[in-house]
Amino acid sequence: MTEQHEEGPETDIKEKDIEQAVEEENNPVDKFSTDSCSGRETHGIHSDDAAKGRLIRHYLLLPTYEWGIADWHLDIIRPFVKKHAATVGFSLEEAALAEMVTAIGNDQTFPEELLDRLRSAGCKVERIDGDGTTIASKLAER
């Protein structure tokens, strides 16, 4: 005995749901979040950046030490991260995926050769160094 399926409104809805799901999967824009720079709706991936192969808009590159991660670095970047929703990390490989990289640390922490590798990868790179107050002030200017 073969089953017969009736075509009707329920079938149409399911097909539309599938089409919508496929469209949403192929479109990196989420209707529930907004890019603070442009006001465009996003989902963490900026469609213009994705088209250029840049998955991250702005990456704050922080140093790590033998003993771990400095709490004061995390404290001084907090207002900037809250304001700009920047990605924070400790990896040159991740930073290379960004359109803009801000390295927090001096030339001993991040030698210019490392920052040049990020530039060669197509990133705009800036360095901010100094004491905690200086770094916090420079970040606040942005």
Protein backbone atom coordinates (compact mmCIF):
# COMPACT_ATOMS: atom_id res chain seq x y z
CA MET A 1 0.00 0.00 0.00
CA THR A 2 1.41 3.40 -0.90
CA GLU A 3 0.82 6.52 1.12
CA GLN A 4 -0.51 9.60 -0.57
CA HIS A 5 0.44 13.04 0.65
CA GLU A 6 -1.92 15.86 0.03
CA GLU A 7 -0.54 19.14 -1.23
CA GLY A 8 -1.90 22.00 0.79
CA PRO A 9 -1.15 24.94 3.04
CA GLU A 10 0.87 22.85 5.51
CA THR A 11 3.21 21.67 2.75
CA ASP A 12 3.62 25.23 1.50
CA ILE A 13 4.57 26.43 4.98
CA LYS A 14 7.17 23.70 5.39
CA GLU A 15 8.74 24.50 2.01
CA LYS A 16 8.82 28.21 2.89
CA ASP A 17 10.39 27.39 6.27
CA ILE A 18 13.10 25.35 4.56
CA GLU A 19 13.75 28.11 2.02
CA GLN A 20 13.94 30.70 4.81
CA ALA A 21 16.33 28.55 6.86
CA VAL A 22 18.61 28.07 3.85
CA GLU A 23 18.53 31.82 3.15
CA GLU A 24 19.37 32.64 6.79
CA GLU A 25 22.24 30.15 6.79
CA ASN A 26 23.68 31.73 3.64
CA ASN A 27 23.22 35.27 4.98
CA PRO A 28 25.47 36.31 7.90
CA VAL A 29 23.15 39.13 8.96
CA ASP A 30 21.04 38.56 12.08
CA LYS A 31 18.02 40.80 12.60
CA PHE A 32 18.55 41.00 16.36
CA SER A 33 21.89 42.81 16.71
CA THR A 34 23.22 46.07 15.35
CA ASP A 35 26.71 47.20 14.36
CA SER A 36 27.58 50.11 16.65
CA CYS A 37 29.71 51.76 13.95
CA SER A 38 27.33 51.77 11.00
CA GLY A 39 23.96 51.06 12.61
CA ARG A 40 23.52 48.08 10.27
CA GLU A 41 22.05 44.85 11.58
CA THR A 42 24.68 42.15 12.11
CA HIS A 43 25.40 38.87 13.81
CA GLY A 44 28.99 39.42 14.84
CA ILE A 45 30.08 38.99 11.24
CA HIS A 46 29.89 42.20 9.28
CA SER A 47 28.67 41.41 5.77
CA ASP A 48 31.10 43.87 4.15
CA ASP A 49 34.00 42.38 6.11
CA ALA A 50 32.94 38.82 5.31
CA ALA A 51 32.95 39.72 1.62
CA LYS A 52 36.55 40.90 2.04
CA GLY A 53 37.45 37.77 4.02
CA ARG A 54 37.59 39.66 7.34
CA LEU A 55 35.51 37.93 9.98
CA ILE A 56 36.42 40.31 12.81
CA ARG A 57 35.96 44.08 12.66
CA HIS A 58 38.36 45.06 15.50
CA TYR A 59 40.65 42.78 17.51
CA LEU A 60 42.37 43.89 20.72
CA LEU A 61 45.56 41.85 20.93
CA LEU A 62 46.67 41.47 24.54
CA PRO A 63 49.92 39.99 25.84
CA THR A 64 50.23 36.83 27.87
CA TYR A 65 52.97 36.16 30.35
CA GLU A 66 54.56 33.03 31.82
CA TRP A 67 52.40 33.53 34.91
CA GLY A 68 49.19 34.20 32.94
CA ILE A 69 47.12 37.18 31.88
CA ALA A 70 47.33 40.54 33.64
CA ASP A 71 44.09 41.60 35.31
CA TRP A 72 44.98 45.25 34.84
CA HIS A 73 44.99 44.78 31.03
CA LEU A 74 41.46 43.42 31.25
CA ASP A 75 40.41 46.27 33.55
CA ILE A 76 41.74 49.05 31.31
CA ILE A 77 40.21 47.71 28.09
CA ARG A 78 36.75 47.06 29.59
CA PRO A 79 35.21 50.49 28.67
CA PHE A 80 36.50 50.22 25.10
CA VAL A 81 35.16 46.68 24.67
CA LYS A 82 31.76 47.68 26.07
CA LYS A 83 31.57 50.71 23.78
CA HIS A 84 32.76 49.08 20.54
CA ALA A 85 32.06 45.36 21.08
CA ALA A 86 35.63 44.63 20.02
CA THR A 87 36.95 41.11 20.01
CA VAL A 88 39.61 40.49 22.66
CA GLY A 89 42.25 37.85 22.39
CA PHE A 90 45.85 36.76 22.70
CA SER A 91 46.45 35.05 19.34
CA LEU A 92 48.24 36.41 16.28
CA GLU A 93 46.40 33.82 14.18
CA GLU A 94 43.03 35.13 15.34
CA ALA A 95 44.17 38.73 14.99
CA ALA A 96 45.05 38.03 11.34
CA LEU A 97 41.31 37.53 10.69
CA ALA A 98 40.54 41.11 11.71
CA GLU A 99 40.15 44.24 9.66
CA MET A 100 41.73 46.30 12.48
CA VAL A 101 44.14 45.10 15.17
CA THR A 102 45.09 47.15 18.22
CA ALA A 103 48.08 45.61 19.98
CA ILE A 104 48.28 46.55 23.65
CA GLY A 105 51.95 46.46 24.59
CA ASN A 106 55.40 47.74 23.75
CA ASP A 107 57.96 46.53 21.20
CA GLN A 108 59.25 43.91 23.64
CA THR A 109 55.76 42.49 24.03
CA PHE A 110 54.88 42.62 20.35
CA PRO A 111 57.97 43.11 18.16
CA GLU A 112 57.38 45.21 15.06
CA GLU A 113 58.10 42.13 12.91
CA LEU A 114 55.00 40.43 14.35
CA LEU A 115 52.86 43.49 13.67
CA ASP A 116 54.29 43.65 10.14
CA ARG A 117 53.10 40.06 9.60
CA LEU A 118 49.58 41.19 10.50
CA ARG A 119 49.90 44.13 8.09
CA SER A 120 51.07 41.71 5.38
CA ALA A 121 47.95 39.65 6.08
CA GLY A 122 45.87 42.73 5.23
CA CYS A 123 45.14 44.07 8.71
CA LYS A 124 45.29 47.69 9.74
CA VAL A 125 47.46 47.66 12.84
CA GLU A 126 48.06 50.13 15.64
CA ARG A 127 50.05 49.79 18.83
CA ILE A 128 49.12 51.30 22.18
CA ASP A 129 51.69 51.13 24.94
CA GLY A 130 52.49 52.86 28.18
CA ASP A 131 51.20 52.58 31.71
CA GLY A 132 47.60 51.67 32.50
CA THR A 133 46.39 55.28 32.55
CA THR A 134 48.02 56.06 29.21
CA ILE A 135 46.55 52.97 27.56
CA ALA A 136 43.11 53.65 29.00
CA SER A 137 43.25 57.30 27.83
CA LYS A 138 44.32 56.33 24.30
CA LEU A 139 41.53 53.74 24.08
CA ALA A 140 39.00 56.27 25.36
CA GLU A 141 39.93 58.63 22.50
CA ARG A 142 38.69 56.08 19.97
